[in-house]
Amino acid sequence: MKSKIILHIDMNSYFASVEQQAIPFLRGNPVGVCAYLSPGGCIIASSREAKAKGIKTGCTVREALKLDPKVVLVENEPAKYRSTTEKIFNILGQYTDRLEPYSIDEAFLDLSGWVRNFKQAGKIGEEINQRIKTEVGEWLSSSIGISWTKFLAKFASDIGLKGGILIIDRSNLDGLLEGRDL
């Protein structure tokens, strides 16, 4: 039996990146997307720039402002994120009929039978990343993991470089698992 070829895509800093795409003056600035803008409101997504200042998901508005008084805080707009997700998933659906949404910003694509090997799947991943930037928004990026199981594909997207592609095959699995507390 042939191994499956599974691609997992996870959009990076999704809600914050969507806001930066929609509002260009936010680009390059620390951005926190909040459930509510009150001091006790919770950050539900932070941009790469905000994460670099320690502002992470789960921070309160009060904590975020202490970490960086210049952070731009915006209230979430679910319709904006759903609309962007729909555009991204329309692209993903062009590569397989076995697309499994995992969350608003993640999905699994079973490419078995659509590509012959992980190398071809990696090329599809590169093409998907480029199409998202070109067709949906240049400020959006994703991390892609490819392997023969969903678990390993998601693990690859989690540990790989943000905006990159990591393939886990039998030759590098042990090295990638070494020293990790799974």
C-alpha atoms as a PDB file:
ATOM      1  CA  MET A   1       0.000   0.000   0.000  1.00  0.00           C
ATOM      2  CA  LYS A   2       1.367   3.443  -0.952  1.00  0.00           C
ATOM      3  CA  SER A   3       1.857   6.083   1.719  1.00  0.00           C
ATOM      4  CA  LYS A   4      -0.517   8.994   1.779  1.00  0.00           C
ATOM      5  CA  ILE A   5       0.682  12.482   0.960  1.00  0.00           C
ATOM      6  CA  ILE A   6      -0.901  14.992   3.337  1.00  0.00           C
ATOM      7  CA  LEU A   7      -0.325  18.758   3.237  1.00  0.00           C
ATOM      8  CA  HIS A   8      -1.273  20.891   6.236  1.00  0.00           C
ATOM      9  CA  ILE A   9      -1.527  24.650   5.810  1.00  0.00           C
ATOM     10  CA  ASP A  10      -1.647  27.065   8.726  1.00  0.00           C
ATOM     11  CA  MET A  11      -1.987  30.774   8.070  1.00  0.00           C
ATOM     12  CA  ASN A  12       0.498  32.832  10.121  1.00  0.00           C
ATOM     13  CA  SER A  13      -0.806  35.435  12.609  1.00  0.00           C
ATOM     14  CA  TYR A  14      -4.042  35.147  10.678  1.00  0.00           C
ATOM     15  CA  PHE A  15      -6.483  37.727  12.048  1.00  0.00           C
ATOM     16  CA  ALA A  16      -3.710  40.292  12.519  1.00  0.00           C
ATOM     17  CA  SER A  17      -2.333  39.646   9.016  1.00  0.00           C
ATOM     18  CA  VAL A  18      -5.811  40.014   7.520  1.00  0.00           C
ATOM     19  CA  GLU A  19      -6.114  43.378   9.288  1.00  0.00           C
ATOM     20  CA  GLN A  20      -2.668  44.420   8.014  1.00  0.00           C
ATOM     21  CA  GLN A  21      -3.673  43.369   4.503  1.00  0.00           C
ATOM     22  CA  ALA A  22      -6.938  45.328   4.683  1.00  0.00           C
ATOM     23  CA  ILE A  23      -5.447  48.436   6.324  1.00  0.00           C
ATOM     24  CA  PRO A  24      -2.016  49.118   4.790  1.00  0.00           C
ATOM     25  CA  PHE A  25      -0.870  51.641   7.441  1.00  0.00           C
ATOM     26  CA  LEU A  26      -0.922  48.751   9.960  1.00  0.00           C
ATOM     27  CA  ARG A  27       1.749  46.873   7.996  1.00  0.00           C
ATOM     28  CA  GLY A  28       5.054  46.601   9.803  1.00  0.00           C
ATOM     29  CA  ASN A  29       3.489  47.803  13.070  1.00  0.00           C
ATOM     30  CA  PRO A  30       2.625  45.749  16.143  1.00  0.00           C
ATOM     31  CA  VAL A  31      -1.075  44.869  15.910  1.00  0.00           C
ATOM     32  CA  GLY A  32      -3.295  43.090  18.402  1.00  0.00           C
ATOM     33  CA  VAL A  33      -6.730  41.872  17.411  1.00  0.00           C
ATOM     34  CA  CYS A  34      -9.015  41.924  20.444  1.00  0.00           C
ATOM     35  CA  ALA A  35     -12.306  40.397  21.394  1.00  0.00           C
ATOM     36  CA  TYR A  36     -13.060  43.717  23.146  1.00  0.00           C
ATOM     37  CA  LEU A  37     -11.031  46.920  23.399  1.00  0.00           C
ATOM     38  CA  SER A  38     -11.693  47.379  27.134  1.00  0.00           C
ATOM     39  CA  PRO A  39      -8.628  47.017  29.444  1.00  0.00           C
ATOM     40  CA  GLY A  40      -9.649  43.481  30.389  1.00  0.00           C
ATOM     41  CA  GLY A  41     -10.321  42.495  26.779  1.00  0.00           C
ATOM     42  CA  CYS A  42      -8.290  39.606  25.437  1.00  0.00           C
ATOM     43  CA  ILE A  43      -5.862  39.601  22.507  1.00  0.00           C
ATOM     44  CA  ILE A  44      -7.065  36.834  20.181  1.00  0.00           C
ATOM     45  CA  ALA A  45      -4.341  37.323  17.565  1.00  0.00           C
ATOM     46  CA  SER A  46      -1.153  39.318  17.327  1.00  0.00           C
ATOM     47  CA  SER A  47       0.994  40.289  14.380  1.00  0.00           C
ATOM     48  CA  ARG A  48       4.584  39.110  14.025  1.00  0.00           C
ATOM     49  CA  GLU A  49       5.683  42.573  15.125  1.00  0.00           C
ATOM     50  CA  ALA A  50       3.514  42.406  18.281  1.00  0.00           C
ATOM     51  CA  LYS A  51       4.723  38.874  19.091  1.00  0.00           C
ATOM     52  CA  ALA A  52       8.306  40.164  18.932  1.00  0.00           C
ATOM     53  CA  LYS A  53       7.376  42.603  21.728  1.00  0.00           C
ATOM     54  CA  GLY A  54       5.876  39.815  23.858  1.00  0.00           C
ATOM     55  CA  ILE A  55       2.240  40.486  22.970  1.00  0.00           C
ATOM     56  CA  LYS A  56       0.745  37.049  22.486  1.00  0.00           C
ATOM     57  CA  THR A  57      -2.684  35.491  22.238  1.00  0.00           C
ATOM     58  CA  GLY A  58      -4.274  35.569  25.676  1.00  0.00           C
ATOM     59  CA  CYS A  59      -2.730  38.884  26.793  1.00  0.00           C
ATOM     60  CA  THR A  60      -5.204  41.432  28.038  1.00  0.00           C
ATOM     61  CA  VAL A  61      -5.417  44.849  26.406  1.00  0.00           C
ATOM     62  CA  ARG A  62      -3.927  46.302  29.600  1.00  0.00           C
ATOM     63  CA  GLU A  63      -0.932  43.910  29.462  1.00  0.00           C
ATOM     64  CA  ALA A  64      -0.401  44.556  25.741  1.00  0.00           C
ATOM     65  CA  LEU A  65      -0.276  48.327  26.306  1.00  0.00           C
ATOM     66  CA  LYS A  66       2.272  47.852  29.098  1.00  0.00           C
ATOM     67  CA  LEU A  67       4.471  45.752  26.808  1.00  0.00           C
ATOM     68  CA  ASP A  68       4.198  48.292  23.982  1.00  0.00           C
ATOM     69  CA  PRO A  69       2.230  51.522  24.403  1.00  0.00           C
ATOM     70  CA  LYS A  70       2.318  51.982  20.610  1.00  0.00           C
ATOM     71  CA  VAL A  71       0.637  48.662  19.786  1.00  0.00           C
ATOM     72  CA  VAL A  72      -2.354  49.183  17.508  1.00  0.00           C
ATOM     73  CA  LEU A  73      -5.367  47.404  18.958  1.00  0.00           C
ATOM     74  CA  VAL A  74      -8.325  46.602  16.715  1.00  0.00           C
ATOM     75  CA  GLU A  75     -11.587  44.891  17.530  1.00  0.00           C
ATOM     76  CA  ASN A  76     -12.101  41.657  15.630  1.00  0.00           C
ATOM     77  CA  GLU A  77     -14.262  41.533  12.498  1.00  0.00           C
ATOM     78  CA  PRO A  78     -15.306  37.893  11.971  1.00  0.00           C
ATOM     79  CA  ALA A  79     -16.946  38.551   8.578  1.00  0.00           C
ATOM     80  CA  LYS A  80     -13.635  39.907   7.232  1.00  0.00           C
ATOM     81  CA  TYR A  81     -11.769  36.763   8.338  1.00  0.00           C
ATOM     82  CA  ARG A  82     -14.455  34.401   6.989  1.00  0.00           C
ATOM     83  CA  SER A  83     -14.381  36.184   3.623  1.00  0.00           C
ATOM     84  CA  THR A  84     -10.586  35.862   3.425  1.00  0.00           C
ATOM     85  CA  THR A  85     -10.759  32.194   4.470  1.00  0.00           C
ATOM     86  CA  GLU A  86     -13.279  31.522   1.712  1.00  0.00           C
ATOM     87  CA  LYS A  87     -10.862  32.929  -0.878  1.00  0.00           C
ATOM     88  CA  ILE A  88      -7.972  30.853   0.495  1.00  0.00           C
ATOM     89  CA  PHE A  89     -10.036  27.646   0.660  1.00  0.00           C
ATOM     90  CA  ASN A  90     -11.211  28.217  -2.934  1.00  0.00           C
ATOM     91  CA  ILE A  91      -7.541  28.115  -3.968  1.00  0.00           C
ATOM     92  CA  LEU A  92      -6.861  25.018  -1.852  1.00  0.00           C
ATOM     93  CA  GLY A  93      -9.833  23.200  -3.367  1.00  0.00           C
ATOM     94  CA  GLN A  94      -8.228  23.429  -6.796  1.00  0.00           C
ATOM     95  CA  TYR A  95      -5.498  20.977  -5.750  1.00  0.00           C
ATOM     96  CA  THR A  96      -7.551  18.088  -4.386  1.00  0.00           C
ATOM     97  CA  ASP A  97     -11.111  16.954  -3.847  1.00  0.00           C
ATOM     98  CA  ARG A  98     -10.086  15.886  -0.331  1.00  0.00           C
ATOM     99  CA  LEU A  99      -9.852  19.227   1.479  1.00  0.00           C
ATOM    100  CA  GLU A 100     -10.535  19.136   5.215  1.00  0.00           C
ATOM    101  CA  PRO A 101     -10.890  22.485   6.980  1.00  0.00           C
ATOM    102  CA  TYR A 102      -9.357  22.235  10.464  1.00  0.00           C
ATOM    103  CA  SER A 103     -10.122  25.762  11.672  1.00  0.00           C
ATOM    104  CA  ILE A 104     -10.725  29.179  10.120  1.00  0.00           C
ATOM    105  CA  ASP A 105      -7.024  29.412   9.204  1.00  0.00           C
ATOM    106  CA  GLU A 106      -5.927  25.777   8.836  1.00  0.00           C
ATOM    107  CA  ALA A 107      -6.703  22.881   6.512  1.00  0.00           C
ATOM    108  CA  PHE A 108      -5.494  19.448   5.488  1.00  0.00           C
ATOM    109  CA  LEU A 109      -5.177  18.539   1.818  1.00  0.00           C
ATOM    110  CA  ASP A 110      -4.914  14.853   0.951  1.00  0.00           C
ATOM    111  CA  LEU A 111      -2.799  14.972  -2.200  1.00  0.00           C
ATOM    112  CA  SER A 112      -2.558  11.177  -2.530  1.00  0.00           C
ATOM    113  CA  GLY A 113      -3.145  10.331  -6.182  1.00  0.00           C
ATOM    114  CA  TRP A 114      -2.761  13.984  -7.182  1.00  0.00           C
ATOM    115  CA  VAL A 115       1.028  13.994  -6.811  1.00  0.00           C
ATOM    116  CA  ARG A 116       3.556  11.152  -6.910  1.00  0.00           C
ATOM    117  CA  ASN A 117       5.862  12.156  -4.062  1.00  0.00           C
ATOM    118  CA  PHE A 118       6.656  14.639  -1.307  1.00  0.00           C
ATOM    119  CA  LYS A 119       8.847  16.711  -3.641  1.00  0.00           C
ATOM    120  CA  GLN A 120       5.887  17.347  -5.955  1.00  0.00           C
ATOM    121  CA  ALA A 121       3.735  18.135  -2.906  1.00  0.00           C
ATOM    122  CA  GLY A 122       6.367  20.681  -1.867  1.00  0.00           C
ATOM    123  CA  LYS A 123       6.086  22.363  -5.270  1.00  0.00           C
ATOM    124  CA  ILE A 124       2.290  22.484  -4.821  1.00  0.00           C
ATOM    125  CA  GLY A 125       2.882  24.083  -1.391  1.00  0.00           C
ATOM    126  CA  GLU A 126       5.107  26.747  -2.956  1.00  0.00           C
ATOM    127  CA  GLU A 127       2.475  27.406  -5.605  1.00  0.00           C
ATOM    128  CA  ILE A 128      -0.283  27.683  -2.982  1.00  0.00           C
ATOM    129  CA  ASN A 129       1.781  30.158  -0.935  1.00  0.00           C
ATOM    130  CA  GLN A 130       2.413  32.271  -4.030  1.00  0.00           C
ATOM    131  CA  ARG A 131      -1.212  32.173  -5.150  1.00  0.00           C
ATOM    132  CA  ILE A 132      -2.425  33.277  -1.706  1.00  0.00           C
ATOM    133  CA  LYS A 133      -0.055  36.259  -1.857  1.00  0.00           C
ATOM    134  CA  THR A 134      -1.034  37.120  -5.441  1.00  0.00           C
ATOM    135  CA  GLU A 135      -4.772  36.400  -5.365  1.00  0.00           C
ATOM    136  CA  VAL A 136      -5.750  37.086  -1.746  1.00  0.00           C
ATOM    137  CA  GLY A 137      -3.153  39.393  -0.245  1.00  0.00           C
ATOM    138  CA  GLU A 138       0.579  40.020  -0.275  1.00  0.00           C
ATOM    139  CA  TRP A 139       0.658  40.455   3.502  1.00  0.00           C
ATOM    140  CA  LEU A 140      -0.675  36.931   4.143  1.00  0.00           C
ATOM    141  CA  SER A 141       1.691  34.039   4.702  1.00  0.00           C
ATOM    142  CA  SER A 142       1.322  30.424   5.675  1.00  0.00           C
ATOM    143  CA  SER A 143       3.365  27.612   7.115  1.00  0.00           C
ATOM    144  CA  ILE A 144       3.028  24.297   5.321  1.00  0.00           C
ATOM    145  CA  GLY A 145       3.838  20.831   6.566  1.00  0.00           C
ATOM    146  CA  ILE A 146       3.863  17.720   4.410  1.00  0.00           C
ATOM    147  CA  SER A 147       4.019  14.111   5.532  1.00  0.00           C
ATOM    148  CA  TRP A 148       2.186  10.790   5.322  1.00  0.00           C
ATOM    149  CA  THR A 149      -0.162  11.414   8.296  1.00  0.00           C
ATOM    150  CA  LYS A 150      -2.208  14.416   9.408  1.00  0.00           C
ATOM    151  CA  PHE A 151      -0.410  14.458  12.760  1.00  0.00           C
ATOM    152  CA  LEU A 152       3.033  14.642  11.154  1.00  0.00           C
ATOM    153  CA  ALA A 153       1.914  17.186   8.527  1.00  0.00           C
ATOM    154  CA  LYS A 154       0.542  19.464  11.270  1.00  0.00           C
ATOM    155  CA  PHE A 155       3.651  18.874  13.391  1.00  0.00           C
ATOM    156  CA  ALA A 156       5.773  19.907  10.397  1.00  0.00           C
ATOM    157  CA  SER A 157       3.840  23.141   9.864  1.00  0.00           C
ATOM    158  CA  ASP A 158       4.124  23.905  13.593  1.00  0.00           C
ATOM    159  CA  ILE A 159       7.903  23.411  13.882  1.00  0.00           C
ATOM    160  CA  GLY A 160       8.935  24.685  10.447  1.00  0.00           C
ATOM    161  CA  LEU A 161       9.908  28.243   9.647  1.00  0.00           C
ATOM    162  CA  LYS A 162       7.003  30.678   9.559  1.00  0.00           C
ATOM    163  CA  GLY A 163       6.093  31.182   5.924  1.00  0.00           C
ATOM    164  CA  GLY A 164       8.018  28.060   4.926  1.00  0.00           C
ATOM    165  CA  ILE A 165       7.469  24.449   3.978  1.00  0.00           C
ATOM    166  CA  LEU A 166       8.747  21.485   5.960  1.00  0.00           C
ATOM    167  CA  ILE A 167       8.512  17.940   4.642  1.00  0.00           C
ATOM    168  CA  ILE A 168       8.738  15.092   7.132  1.00  0.00           C
ATOM    169  CA  ASP A 169       9.614  11.779   5.539  1.00  0.00           C
ATOM    170  CA  ARG A 170      11.087   8.619   6.968  1.00  0.00           C
ATOM    171  CA  SER A 171      14.658   9.907   6.467  1.00  0.00           C
ATOM    172  CA  ASN A 172      14.331  12.957   8.754  1.00  0.00           C
ATOM    173  CA  LEU A 173      11.610  11.888  11.200  1.00  0.00           C
ATOM    174  CA  ASP A 174      13.894  10.631  13.975  1.00  0.00           C
ATOM    175  CA  GLY A 175      16.054  13.756  13.874  1.00  0.00           C
ATOM    176  CA  LEU A 176      13.008  16.055  14.033  1.00  0.00           C
ATOM    177  CA  LEU A 177      11.512  14.124  16.963  1.00  0.00           C
ATOM    178  CA  GLU A 178      14.761  13.880  18.918  1.00  0.00           C
ATOM    179  CA  GLY A 179      14.687  15.810  22.171  1.00  0.00           C
ATOM    180  CA  ARG A 180      11.023  16.763  21.841  1.00  0.00           C
ATOM    181  CA  ASP A 181       8.578  16.053  24.614  1.00  0.00           C
ATOM    182  CA  LEU A 182       5.573  14.765  22.691  1.00  0.00           C
END
